[in-house]
């Protein structure tokens, strides 16, 4: 299958809501995003797929700030599941989209739903 030409490097997605999806109140229309049929097949086969270009650089910066906020201001559900001597840091928290504005913006103001 040929890749969707709108997904070519540097191609800018349009600025329309996904068909059948209303834009959440208070948010600009989300960008559209056409998923390559090969990516759909890979997802069905492998259970995960990388959709390069789905989020803009500014969206990624904003959600990174939201993650930092979440770590600084954890909910009652938060837990650090790594030990001090672990080579990495594993922090888990859930149900935070209502209280972390950067998460809400990514959910309602990005092209994630369209994908």
PDB file of N, CA and C in Angstrom:
ATOM      1  N   UNK A   1       0.837  -1.180   0.000  1.00  0.00           N
ATOM      2  CA  UNK A   1       0.000   0.000   0.000  1.00  0.00           C
ATOM      3  C   UNK A   1       0.880   1.241   0.000  1.00  0.00           C
ATOM      4  N   UNK A   2       0.487   2.229  -0.739  1.00  0.00           N
ATOM      5  CA  UNK A   2       1.235   3.481  -0.795  1.00  0.00           C
ATOM      6  C   UNK A   2       0.904   4.342   0.408  1.00  0.00           C
ATOM      7  N   UNK A   3       1.896   5.068   0.870  1.00  0.00           N
ATOM      8  CA  UNK A   3       1.686   5.971   2.006  1.00  0.00           C
ATOM      9  C   UNK A   3       0.839   7.158   1.569  1.00  0.00           C
ATOM     10  N   UNK A   4       0.075   7.693   2.494  1.00  0.00           N
ATOM     11  CA  UNK A   4      -0.725   8.891   2.243  1.00  0.00           C
ATOM     12  C   UNK A   4       0.223  10.057   1.979  1.00  0.00           C
ATOM     13  N   UNK A   5       0.124  10.728   0.834  1.00  0.00           N
ATOM     14  CA  UNK A   5       1.056  11.814   0.533  1.00  0.00           C
ATOM     15  C   UNK A   5       0.967  12.973   1.510  1.00  0.00           C
ATOM     16  N   UNK A   6      -0.137  13.129   2.227  1.00  0.00           N
ATOM     17  CA  UNK A   6      -0.243  14.221   3.193  1.00  0.00           C
ATOM     18  C   UNK A   6       0.645  13.985   4.408  1.00  0.00           C
ATOM     19  N   UNK A   7       1.185  12.758   4.531  1.00  0.00           N
ATOM     20  CA  UNK A   7       2.046  12.444   5.659  1.00  0.00           C
ATOM     21  C   UNK A   7       3.519  12.592   5.305  1.00  0.00           C
ATOM     22  N   UNK A   8       3.825  13.086   4.132  1.00  0.00           N
ATOM     23  CA  UNK A   8       5.212  13.248   3.726  1.00  0.00           C
ATOM     24  C   UNK A   8       5.928  14.190   4.683  1.00  0.00           C
ATOM     25  N   UNK A   9       7.230  14.046   4.784  1.00  0.00           N
ATOM     26  CA  UNK A   9       8.024  14.892   5.689  1.00  0.00           C
ATOM     27  C   UNK A   9       7.742  16.355   5.407  1.00  0.00           C
ATOM     28  N   UNK A  10       7.431  17.076   6.446  1.00  0.00           N
ATOM     29  CA  UNK A  10       7.188  18.504   6.319  1.00  0.00           C
ATOM     30  C   UNK A  10       5.776  18.876   5.923  1.00  0.00           C
ATOM     31  N   UNK A  11       4.940  17.898   5.614  1.00  0.00           N
ATOM     32  CA  UNK A  11       3.557  18.215   5.234  1.00  0.00           C
ATOM     33  C   UNK A  11       2.799  18.681   6.466  1.00  0.00           C
ATOM     34  N   UNK A  12       2.077  19.750   6.342  1.00  0.00           N
ATOM     35  CA  UNK A  12       1.291  20.280   7.461  1.00  0.00           C
ATOM     36  C   UNK A  12      -0.122  19.754   7.378  1.00  0.00           C
ATOM     37  N   UNK A  13      -0.603  19.076   8.420  1.00  0.00           N
ATOM     38  CA  UNK A  13      -1.984  18.604   8.397  1.00  0.00           C
ATOM     39  C   UNK A  13      -2.954  19.782   8.366  1.00  0.00           C
ATOM     40  N   UNK A  14      -4.185  19.537   7.939  1.00  0.00           N
ATOM     41  CA  UNK A  14      -5.212  20.574   7.929  1.00  0.00           C
ATOM     42  C   UNK A  14      -5.654  20.930   9.332  1.00  0.00           C
ATOM     43  N   UNK A  15      -6.601  21.821   9.431  1.00  0.00           N
ATOM     44  CA  UNK A  15      -7.088  22.253  10.740  1.00  0.00           C
ATOM     45  C   UNK A  15      -8.593  22.056  10.823  1.00  0.00           C
ATOM     46  N   UNK A  16      -9.019  20.811  10.782  1.00  0.00           N
ATOM     47  CA  UNK A  16     -10.441  20.511  10.883  1.00  0.00           C
ATOM     48  C   UNK A  16     -10.651  19.416  11.907  1.00  0.00           C
ATOM     49  N   UNK A  17     -11.832  19.389  12.516  1.00  0.00           N
ATOM     50  CA  UNK A  17     -12.160  18.325  13.458  1.00  0.00           C
ATOM     51  C   UNK A  17     -12.332  17.032  12.682  1.00  0.00           C
ATOM     52  N   UNK A  18     -12.074  15.937  13.349  1.00  0.00           N
ATOM     53  CA  UNK A  18     -12.261  14.635  12.719  1.00  0.00           C
ATOM     54  C   UNK A  18     -13.730  14.470  12.366  1.00  0.00           C
ATOM     55  N   UNK A  19     -14.030  13.823  11.230  1.00  0.00           N
ATOM     56  CA  UNK A  19     -15.429  13.623  10.859  1.00  0.00           C
ATOM     57  C   UNK A  19     -16.195  12.939  11.983  1.00  0.00           C
ATOM     58  N   UNK A  20     -17.334  13.502  12.321  1.00  0.00           N
ATOM     59  CA  UNK A  20     -18.167  12.924  13.366  1.00  0.00           C
ATOM     60  C   UNK A  20     -17.756  13.299  14.780  1.00  0.00           C
ATOM     61  N   UNK A  21     -16.719  14.134  14.917  1.00  0.00           N
ATOM     62  CA  UNK A  21     -16.249  14.540  16.239  1.00  0.00           C
ATOM     63  C   UNK A  21     -16.418  16.040  16.400  1.00  0.00           C
ATOM     64  N   UNK A  22     -17.052  16.442  17.456  1.00  0.00           N
ATOM     65  CA  UNK A  22     -17.193  17.864  17.754  1.00  0.00           C
ATOM     66  C   UNK A  22     -15.949  18.339  18.495  1.00  0.00           C
ATOM     67  N   UNK A  23     -15.624  19.587  18.343  1.00  0.00           N
ATOM     68  CA  UNK A  23     -14.510  20.173  19.078  1.00  0.00           C
ATOM     69  C   UNK A  23     -14.996  20.467  20.492  1.00  0.00           C
ATOM     70  N   UNK A  24     -14.194  20.110  21.488  1.00  0.00           N
ATOM     71  CA  UNK A  24     -14.576  20.351  22.882  1.00  0.00           C
ATOM     72  C   UNK A  24     -14.703  21.849  23.120  1.00  0.00           C
ATOM     73  N   UNK A  25     -15.671  22.268  23.912  1.00  0.00           N
ATOM     74  CA  UNK A  25     -15.850  23.697  24.198  1.00  0.00           C
ATOM     75  C   UNK A  25     -14.577  24.309  24.772  1.00  0.00           C
ATOM     76  N   UNK A  26     -14.215  25.472  24.273  1.00  0.00           N
ATOM     77  CA  UNK A  26     -13.042  26.170  24.765  1.00  0.00           C
ATOM     78  C   UNK A  26     -11.751  25.805  24.069  1.00  0.00           C
ATOM     79  N   UNK A  27     -11.811  24.915  23.094  1.00  0.00           N
ATOM     80  CA  UNK A  27     -10.608  24.488  22.385  1.00  0.00           C
ATOM     81  C   UNK A  27     -10.744  24.806  20.906  1.00  0.00           C
ATOM     82  N   UNK A  28      -9.628  25.151  20.287  1.00  0.00           N
ATOM     83  CA  UNK A  28      -9.617  25.396  18.844  1.00  0.00           C
ATOM     84  C   UNK A  28      -9.853  24.072  18.132  1.00  0.00           C
ATOM     85  N   UNK A  29     -10.222  24.151  16.882  1.00  0.00           N
ATOM     86  CA  UNK A  29     -10.394  22.917  16.120  1.00  0.00           C
ATOM     87  C   UNK A  29      -9.081  22.155  16.064  1.00  0.00           C
ATOM     88  N   UNK A  30      -9.157  20.864  16.292  1.00  0.00           N
ATOM     89  CA  UNK A  30      -7.978  20.009  16.236  1.00  0.00           C
ATOM     90  C   UNK A  30      -7.521  19.844  14.789  1.00  0.00           C
ATOM     91  N   UNK A  31      -6.231  19.623  14.641  1.00  0.00           N
ATOM     92  CA  UNK A  31      -5.701  19.345  13.310  1.00  0.00           C
ATOM     93  C   UNK A  31      -6.182  17.962  12.872  1.00  0.00           C
ATOM     94  N   UNK A  32      -6.404  17.787  11.586  1.00  0.00           N
ATOM     95  CA  UNK A  32      -6.751  16.464  11.088  1.00  0.00           C
ATOM     96  C   UNK A  32      -5.467  15.661  10.934  1.00  0.00           C
ATOM     97  N   UNK A  33      -5.587  14.358  10.889  1.00  0.00           N
ATOM     98  CA  UNK A  33      -4.420  13.501  10.733  1.00  0.00           C
ATOM     99  C   UNK A  33      -4.876  12.229  10.051  1.00  0.00           C
ATOM    100  N   UNK A  34      -4.347  11.968   8.885  1.00  0.00           N
ATOM    101  CA  UNK A  34      -4.687  10.753   8.151  1.00  0.00           C
ATOM    102  C   UNK A  34      -3.669   9.668   8.506  1.00  0.00           C
ATOM    103  N   UNK A  35      -4.141   8.559   9.039  1.00  0.00           N
ATOM    104  CA  UNK A  35      -3.264   7.456   9.395  1.00  0.00           C
ATOM    105  C   UNK A  35      -3.056   6.590   8.169  1.00  0.00           C
ATOM    106  N   UNK A  36      -1.805   6.335   7.856  1.00  0.00           N
ATOM    107  CA  UNK A  36      -1.418   5.495   6.724  1.00  0.00           C
ATOM    108  C   UNK A  36      -2.020   4.098   6.924  1.00  0.00           C
ATOM    109  N   UNK A  37      -2.650   3.525   5.900  1.00  0.00           N
ATOM    110  CA  UNK A  37      -3.220   2.173   6.036  1.00  0.00           C
ATOM    111  C   UNK A  37      -2.195   1.136   6.491  1.00  0.00           C
ATOM    112  N   UNK A  38      -0.935   1.308   6.121  1.00  0.00           N
ATOM    113  CA  UNK A  38       0.105   0.378   6.584  1.00  0.00           C
ATOM    114  C   UNK A  38       0.303   0.477   8.087  1.00  0.00           C
ATOM    115  N   UNK A  39       0.146   1.689   8.644  1.00  0.00           N
ATOM    116  CA  UNK A  39       0.260   1.859  10.091  1.00  0.00           C
ATOM    117  C   UNK A  39      -0.913   1.177  10.795  1.00  0.00           C
ATOM    118  N   UNK A  40      -2.093   1.235  10.201  1.00  0.00           N
ATOM    119  CA  UNK A  40      -3.260   0.559  10.771  1.00  0.00           C
ATOM    120  C   UNK A  40      -3.012  -0.946  10.804  1.00  0.00           C
ATOM    121  N   UNK A  41      -2.496  -1.494   9.705  1.00  0.00           N
ATOM    122  CA  UNK A  41      -2.186  -2.927   9.656  1.00  0.00           C
ATOM    123  C   UNK A  41      -1.135  -3.296  10.703  1.00  0.00           C
ATOM    124  N   UNK A  42      -0.109  -2.455  10.839  1.00  0.00           N
ATOM    125  CA  UNK A  42       0.945  -2.721  11.825  1.00  0.00           C
ATOM    126  C   UNK A  42       0.372  -2.698  13.237  1.00  0.00           C
ATOM    127  N   UNK A  43      -0.542  -1.749  13.502  1.00  0.00           N
ATOM    128  CA  UNK A  43      -1.170  -1.679  14.833  1.00  0.00           C
ATOM    129  C   UNK A  43      -1.981  -2.943  15.102  1.00  0.00           C
ATOM    130  N   UNK A  44      -2.739  -3.370  14.128  1.00  0.00           N
ATOM    131  CA  UNK A  44      -3.552  -4.581  14.305  1.00  0.00           C
ATOM    132  C   UNK A  44      -2.666  -5.809  14.509  1.00  0.00           C
ATOM    133  N   UNK A  45      -1.547  -5.838  13.827  1.00  0.00           N
ATOM    134  CA  UNK A  45      -0.629  -6.976  13.928  1.00  0.00           C
ATOM    135  C   UNK A  45       0.190  -6.940  15.213  1.00  0.00           C
ATOM    136  N   UNK A  46       0.722  -5.733  15.566  1.00  0.00           N
ATOM    137  CA  UNK A  46       1.704  -5.617  16.638  1.00  0.00           C
ATOM    138  C   UNK A  46       1.159  -5.025  17.937  1.00  0.00           C
ATOM    139  N   UNK A  47       0.009  -4.363  17.872  1.00  0.00           N
ATOM    140  CA  UNK A  47      -0.573  -3.768  19.069  1.00  0.00           C
ATOM    141  C   UNK A  47      -0.055  -2.391  19.415  1.00  0.00           C
ATOM    142  N   UNK A  48       0.881  -1.879  18.651  1.00  0.00           N
ATOM    143  CA  UNK A  48       1.428  -0.533  18.879  1.00  0.00           C
ATOM    144  C   UNK A  48       2.025  -0.041  17.568  1.00  0.00           C
ATOM    145  N   UNK A  49       2.060   1.268  17.414  1.00  0.00           N
ATOM    146  CA  UNK A  49       2.637   1.864  16.214  1.00  0.00           C
ATOM    147  C   UNK A  49       3.078   3.286  16.551  1.00  0.00           C
ATOM    148  N   UNK A  50       4.129   3.741  15.906  1.00  0.00           N
ATOM    149  CA  UNK A  50       4.612   5.111  16.085  1.00  0.00           C
ATOM    150  C   UNK A  50       4.018   5.967  14.969  1.00  0.00           C
ATOM    151  N   UNK A  51       3.275   7.005  15.330  1.00  0.00           N
ATOM    152  CA  UNK A  51       2.668   7.904  14.348  1.00  0.00           C
ATOM    153  C   UNK A  51       3.457   9.218  14.349  1.00  0.00           C
ATOM    154  N   UNK A  52       4.534   9.241  13.600  1.00  0.00           N
ATOM    155  CA  UNK A  52       5.393  10.427  13.539  1.00  0.00           C
ATOM    156  C   UNK A  52       4.609  11.603  12.960  1.00  0.00           C
ATOM    157  N   UNK A  53       4.780  12.754  13.596  1.00  0.00           N
ATOM    158  CA  UNK A  53       4.109  13.959  13.136  1.00  0.00           C
ATOM    159  C   UNK A  53       2.709  14.143  13.687  1.00  0.00           C
ATOM    160  N   UNK A  54       2.225  13.201  14.497  1.00  0.00           N
ATOM    161  CA  UNK A  54       0.882  13.334  15.059  1.00  0.00           C
ATOM    162  C   UNK A  54       0.786  14.587  15.926  1.00  0.00           C
ATOM    163  N   UNK A  55       1.812  14.823  16.732  1.00  0.00           N
ATOM    164  CA  UNK A  55       1.832  15.993  17.607  1.00  0.00           C
ATOM    165  C   UNK A  55       2.871  16.986  17.118  1.00  0.00           C
ATOM    166  N   UNK A  56       2.550  18.261  17.235  1.00  0.00           N
ATOM    167  CA  UNK A  56       3.496  19.310  16.854  1.00  0.00           C
ATOM    168  C   UNK A  56       4.554  19.449  17.945  1.00  0.00           C
ATOM    169  N   UNK A  57       5.635  20.133  17.625  1.00  0.00           N
ATOM    170  CA  UNK A  57       6.692  20.368  18.610  1.00  0.00           C
ATOM    171  C   UNK A  57       6.142  21.128  19.812  1.00  0.00           C
ATOM    172  N   UNK A  58       5.272  22.098  19.568  1.00  0.00           N
ATOM    173  CA  UNK A  58       4.717  22.875  20.689  1.00  0.00           C
ATOM    174  C   UNK A  58       3.800  22.008  21.560  1.00  0.00           C
ATOM    175  N   UNK A  59       3.073  21.064  20.953  1.00  0.00           N
ATOM    176  CA  UNK A  59       2.234  20.159  21.744  1.00  0.00           C
ATOM    177  C   UNK A  59       3.100  19.249  22.615  1.00  0.00           C
ATOM    178  N   UNK A  60       4.204  18.763  22.062  1.00  0.00           N
ATOM    179  CA  UNK A  60       5.102  17.911  22.838  1.00  0.00           C
ATOM    180  C   UNK A  60       5.749  18.687  23.983  1.00  0.00           C
ATOM    181  N   UNK A  61       6.129  19.927  23.721  1.00  0.00           N
ATOM    182  CA  UNK A  61       6.703  20.771  24.784  1.00  0.00           C
ATOM    183  C   UNK A  61       5.672  21.010  25.887  1.00  0.00           C
ATOM    184  N   UNK A  62       4.438  21.265  25.490  1.00  0.00           N
ATOM    185  CA  UNK A  62       3.385  21.525  26.474  1.00  0.00           C
ATOM    186  C   UNK A  62       3.099  20.294  27.329  1.00  0.00           C
ATOM    187  N   UNK A  63       3.007  19.125  26.708  1.00  0.00           N
ATOM    188  CA  UNK A  63       2.712  17.933  27.502  1.00  0.00           C
ATOM    189  C   UNK A  63       3.906  17.556  28.372  1.00  0.00           C
ATOM    190  N   UNK A  64       5.132  17.843  27.931  1.00  0.00           N
ATOM    191  CA  UNK A  64       6.310  17.621  28.784  1.00  0.00           C
ATOM    192  C   UNK A  64       6.218  18.506  30.027  1.00  0.00           C
ATOM    193  N   UNK A  65       5.775  19.747  29.847  1.00  0.00           N
ATOM    194  CA  UNK A  65       5.568  20.646  30.992  1.00  0.00           C
ATOM    195  C   UNK A  65       4.471  20.088  31.906  1.00  0.00           C
ATOM    196  N   UNK A  66       3.440  19.494  31.320  1.00  0.00           N
ATOM    197  CA  UNK A  66       2.374  18.877  32.110  1.00  0.00           C
ATOM    198  C   UNK A  66       2.881  17.690  32.915  1.00  0.00           C
ATOM    199  N   UNK A  67       3.774  16.909  32.335  1.00  0.00           N
ATOM    200  CA  UNK A  67       4.352  15.772  33.061  1.00  0.00           C
ATOM    201  C   UNK A  67       5.188  16.283  34.229  1.00  0.00           C
ATOM    202  N   UNK A  68       5.976  17.316  33.983  1.00  0.00           N
ATOM    203  CA  UNK A  68       6.766  17.912  35.071  1.00  0.00           C
ATOM    204  C   UNK A  68       5.840  18.433  36.170  1.00  0.00           C
ATOM    205  N   UNK A  69       4.739  19.083  35.787  1.00  0.00           N
ATOM    206  CA  UNK A  69       3.759  19.570  36.764  1.00  0.00           C
ATOM    207  C   UNK A  69       3.184  18.407  37.560  1.00  0.00           C
ATOM    208  N   UNK A  70       2.860  17.311  36.875  1.00  0.00           N
ATOM    209  CA  UNK A  70       2.281  16.143  37.515  1.00  0.00           C
ATOM    210  C   UNK A  70       3.249  15.549  38.545  1.00  0.00           C
ATOM    211  N   UNK A  71       4.524  15.514  38.209  1.00  0.00           N
ATOM    212  CA  UNK A  71       5.525  14.995  39.142  1.00  0.00           C
ATOM    213  C   UNK A  71       5.687  15.949  40.343  1.00  0.00           C
ATOM    214  N   UNK A  72       5.679  17.259  40.080  1.00  0.00           N
ATOM    215  CA  UNK A  72       5.803  18.251  41.161  1.00  0.00           C
ATOM    216  C   UNK A  72       4.563  18.284  42.053  1.00  0.00           C
ATOM    217  N   UNK A  73       3.395  18.073  41.437  1.00  0.00           N
ATOM    218  CA  UNK A  73       2.109  18.183  42.134  1.00  0.00           C
ATOM    219  C   UNK A  73       1.310  16.889  41.957  1.00  0.00           C
ATOM    220  N   UNK A  74       1.798  15.792  42.527  1.00  0.00           N
ATOM    221  CA  UNK A  74       1.123  14.509  42.296  1.00  0.00           C
ATOM    222  C   UNK A  74      -0.254  14.448  42.955  1.00  0.00           C
ATOM    223  N   UNK A  75      -1.109  13.595  42.410  1.00  0.00           N
ATOM    224  CA  UNK A  75      -2.417  13.365  43.017  1.00  0.00           C
ATOM    225  C   UNK A  75      -2.264  12.373  44.169  1.00  0.00           C
ATOM    226  N   UNK A  76      -3.359  12.123  44.845  1.00  0.00           N
ATOM    227  CA  UNK A  76      -3.355  11.134  45.930  1.00  0.00           C
ATOM    228  C   UNK A  76      -3.091   9.726  45.401  1.00  0.00           C
ATOM    229  N   UNK A  77      -3.240   9.514  44.090  1.00  0.00           N
ATOM    230  CA  UNK A  77      -3.040   8.202  43.486  1.00  0.00           C
ATOM    231  C   UNK A  77      -1.595   7.942  43.078  1.00  0.00           C
ATOM    232  N   UNK A  78      -0.735   8.925  43.198  1.00  0.00           N
ATOM    233  CA  UNK A  78       0.630   8.829  42.687  1.00  0.00           C
ATOM    234  C   UNK A  78       1.484   7.859  43.486  1.00  0.00           C
ATOM    235  N   UNK A  79       2.453   7.272  42.777  1.00  0.00           N
ATOM    236  CA  UNK A  79       3.386   6.360  43.418  1.00  0.00           C
ATOM    237  C   UNK A  79       4.691   6.387  42.637  1.00  0.00           C
ATOM    238  N   UNK A  80       5.802   6.427  43.344  1.00  0.00           N
ATOM    239  CA  UNK A  80       7.105   6.227  42.719  1.00  0.00           C
ATOM    240  C   UNK A  80       7.394   4.747  42.865  1.00  0.00           C
ATOM    241  N   UNK A  81       7.519   4.061  41.748  1.00  0.00           N
ATOM    242  CA  UNK A  81       7.662   2.609  41.756  1.00  0.00           C
ATOM    243  C   UNK A  81       9.092   2.171  41.456  1.00  0.00           C
ATOM    244  N   UNK A  82      10.038   3.081  41.575  1.00  0.00           N
ATOM    245  CA  UNK A  82      11.443   2.724  41.406  1.00  0.00           C
ATOM    246  C   UNK A  82      12.172   2.972  42.722  1.00  0.00           C
ATOM    247  N   UNK A  83      13.268   2.270  42.892  1.00  0.00           N
ATOM    248  CA  UNK A  83      14.081   2.437  44.094  1.00  0.00           C
ATOM    249  C   UNK A  83      15.147   3.502  43.837  1.00  0.00           C
ATOM    250  N   UNK A  84      15.686   4.091  44.889  1.00  0.00           N
ATOM    251  CA  UNK A  84      16.735   5.100  44.697  1.00  0.00           C
ATOM    252  C   UNK A  84      17.944   4.584  43.922  1.00  0.00           C
ATOM    253  N   UNK A  85      18.221   3.274  44.004  1.00  0.00           N
ATOM    254  CA  UNK A  85      19.381   2.732  43.297  1.00  0.00           C
ATOM    255  C   UNK A  85      19.046   2.232  41.885  1.00  0.00           C
ATOM    256  N   UNK A  86      17.787   2.361  41.461  1.00  0.00           N
ATOM    257  CA  UNK A  86      17.416   1.980  40.096  1.00  0.00           C
ATOM    258  C   UNK A  86      18.049   2.948  39.099  1.00  0.00           C
ATOM    259  N   UNK A  87      18.380   2.460  37.914  1.00  0.00           N
ATOM    260  CA  UNK A  87      19.000   3.348  36.913  1.00  0.00           C
ATOM    261  C   UNK A  87      18.026   4.365  36.316  1.00  0.00           C
ATOM    262  N   UNK A  88      16.732   4.152  36.490  1.00  0.00           N
ATOM    263  CA  UNK A  88      15.731   5.070  35.952  1.00  0.00           C
ATOM    264  C   UNK A  88      14.777   5.527  37.035  1.00  0.00           C
ATOM    265  N   UNK A  89      13.789   6.298  36.629  1.00  0.00           N
ATOM    266  CA  UNK A  89      12.787   6.810  37.556  1.00  0.00           C
ATOM    267  C   UNK A  89      11.428   6.409  37.006  1.00  0.00           C
ATOM    268  N   UNK A  90      10.647   5.662  37.797  1.00  0.00           N
ATOM    269  CA  UNK A  90       9.323   5.251  37.365  1.00  0.00           C
ATOM    270  C   UNK A  90       8.297   5.868  38.297  1.00  0.00           C
ATOM    271  N   UNK A  91       7.506   6.780  37.738  1.00  0.00           N
ATOM    272  CA  UNK A  91       6.466   7.493  38.466  1.00  0.00           C
ATOM    273  C   UNK A  91       5.139   7.136  37.824  1.00  0.00           C
ATOM    274  N   UNK A  92       4.180   6.738  38.635  1.00  0.00           N
ATOM    275  CA  UNK A  92       2.859   6.454  38.087  1.00  0.00           C
ATOM    276  C   UNK A  92       1.818   7.292  38.808  1.00  0.00           C
ATOM    277  N   UNK A  93       0.882   7.768  38.043  1.00  0.00           N
ATOM    278  CA  UNK A  93      -0.230   8.557  38.559  1.00  0.00           C
ATOM    279  C   UNK A  93      -1.326   8.415  37.509  1.00  0.00           C
ATOM    280  N   UNK A  94      -2.540   8.494  37.886  1.00  0.00           N
ATOM    281  CA  UNK A  94      -3.607   8.339  36.898  1.00  0.00           C
ATOM    282  C   UNK A  94      -4.777   9.259  37.202  1.00  0.00           C
ATOM    283  N   UNK A  95      -5.645   9.386  36.214  1.00  0.00           N
ATOM    284  CA  UNK A  95      -6.842  10.224  36.308  1.00  0.00           C
ATOM    285  C   UNK A  95      -6.482  11.690  36.555  1.00  0.00           C
ATOM    286  N   UNK A  96      -5.540  12.205  35.784  1.00  0.00           N
ATOM    287  CA  UNK A  96      -5.072  13.575  35.987  1.00  0.00           C
ATOM    288  C   UNK A  96      -5.465  14.540  34.881  1.00  0.00           C
ATOM    289  N   UNK A  97      -6.129  14.088  33.853  1.00  0.00           N
ATOM    290  CA  UNK A  97      -6.432  14.981  32.736  1.00  0.00           C
ATOM    291  C   UNK A  97      -7.338  16.134  33.157  1.00  0.00           C
ATOM    292  N   UNK A  98      -8.163  15.910  34.185  1.00  0.00           N
ATOM    293  CA  UNK A  98      -9.050  16.984  34.625  1.00  0.00           C
ATOM    294  C   UNK A  98      -8.292  18.090  35.354  1.00  0.00           C
ATOM    295  N   UNK A  99      -7.181  17.783  35.995  1.00  0.00           N
ATOM    296  CA  UNK A  99      -6.484  18.780  36.805  1.00  0.00           C
ATOM    297  C   UNK A  99      -5.189  19.300  36.196  1.00  0.00           C
ATOM    298  N   UNK A 100      -4.705  18.681  35.147  1.00  0.00           N
ATOM    299  CA  UNK A 100      -3.465  19.123  34.492  1.00  0.00           C
ATOM    300  C   UNK A 100      -3.860  19.749  33.151  1.00  0.00           C
ATOM    301  N   UNK A 101      -3.829  21.066  33.034  1.00  0.00           N
ATOM    302  CA  UNK A 101      -4.314  21.722  31.807  1.00  0.00           C
ATOM    303  C   UNK A 101      -3.547  21.312  30.547  1.00  0.00           C
ATOM    304  N   UNK A 102      -2.280  20.999  30.677  1.00  0.00           N
ATOM    305  CA  UNK A 102      -1.513  20.570  29.503  1.00  0.00           C
ATOM    306  C   UNK A 102      -2.011  19.229  28.966  1.00  0.00           C
ATOM    307  N   UNK A 103      -2.458  18.354  29.847  1.00  0.00           N
ATOM    308  CA  UNK A 103      -3.036  17.079  29.410  1.00  0.00           C
ATOM    309  C   UNK A 103      -4.355  17.320  28.678  1.00  0.00           C
ATOM    310  N   UNK A 104      -5.217  18.167  29.270  1.00  0.00           N
ATOM    311  CA  UNK A 104      -6.501  18.465  28.625  1.00  0.00           C
ATOM    312  C   UNK A 104      -6.295  19.039  27.225  1.00  0.00           C
ATOM    313  N   UNK A 105      -5.346  19.950  27.093  1.00  0.00           N
ATOM    314  CA  UNK A 105      -5.105  20.571  25.791  1.00  0.00           C
ATOM    315  C   UNK A 105      -4.669  19.530  24.761  1.00  0.00           C
ATOM    316  N   UNK A 106      -3.808  18.592  25.167  1.00  0.00           N
ATOM    317  CA  UNK A 106      -3.368  17.555  24.232  1.00  0.00           C
ATOM    318  C   UNK A 106      -4.537  16.649  23.852  1.00  0.00           C
ATOM    319  N   UNK A 107      -5.375  16.325  24.821  1.00  0.00           N
ATOM    320  CA  UNK A 107      -6.518  15.438  24.568  1.00  0.00           C
ATOM    321  C   UNK A 107      -7.549  16.104  23.657  1.00  0.00           C
ATOM    322  N   UNK A 108      -7.915  17.325  23.984  1.00  0.00           N
ATOM    323  CA  UNK A 108      -9.022  17.980  23.278  1.00  0.00           C
ATOM    324  C   UNK A 108      -8.597  18.917  22.162  1.00  0.00           C
ATOM    325  N   UNK A 109      -7.348  19.367  22.149  1.00  0.00           N
ATOM    326  CA  UNK A 109      -6.930  20.342  21.178  1.00  0.00           C
ATOM    327  C   UNK A 109      -5.930  19.865  20.154  1.00  0.00           C
ATOM    328  N   UNK A 110      -5.596  18.572  20.192  1.00  0.00           N
ATOM    329  CA  UNK A 110      -4.638  18.028  19.223  1.00  0.00           C
ATOM    330  C   UNK A 110      -5.353  17.122  18.227  1.00  0.00           C
ATOM    331  N   UNK A 111      -4.592  16.538  17.341  1.00  0.00           N
ATOM    332  CA  UNK A 111      -5.166  15.640  16.344  1.00  0.00           C
ATOM    333  C   UNK A 111      -5.219  14.188  16.840  1.00  0.00           C
ATOM    334  N   UNK A 112      -5.005  13.956  18.113  1.00  0.00           N
ATOM    335  CA  UNK A 112      -4.996  12.581  18.635  1.00  0.00           C
ATOM    336  C   UNK A 112      -6.311  11.850  18.366  1.00  0.00           C
ATOM    337  N   UNK A 113      -7.424  12.514  18.579  1.00  0.00           N
ATOM    338  CA  UNK A 113      -8.710  11.839  18.358  1.00  0.00           C
ATOM    339  C   UNK A 113      -8.905  11.479  16.899  1.00  0.00           C
ATOM    340  N   UNK A 114      -8.399  12.319  16.003  1.00  0.00           N
ATOM    341  CA  UNK A 114      -8.546  12.045  14.576  1.00  0.00           C
ATOM    342  C   UNK A 114      -7.750  10.808  14.159  1.00  0.00           C
ATOM    343  N   UNK A 115      -6.651  10.570  14.852  1.00  0.00           N
ATOM    344  CA  UNK A 115      -5.815   9.411  14.515  1.00  0.00           C
ATOM    345  C   UNK A 115      -6.465   8.136  15.021  1.00  0.00           C
TER     346      UNK A 115
END
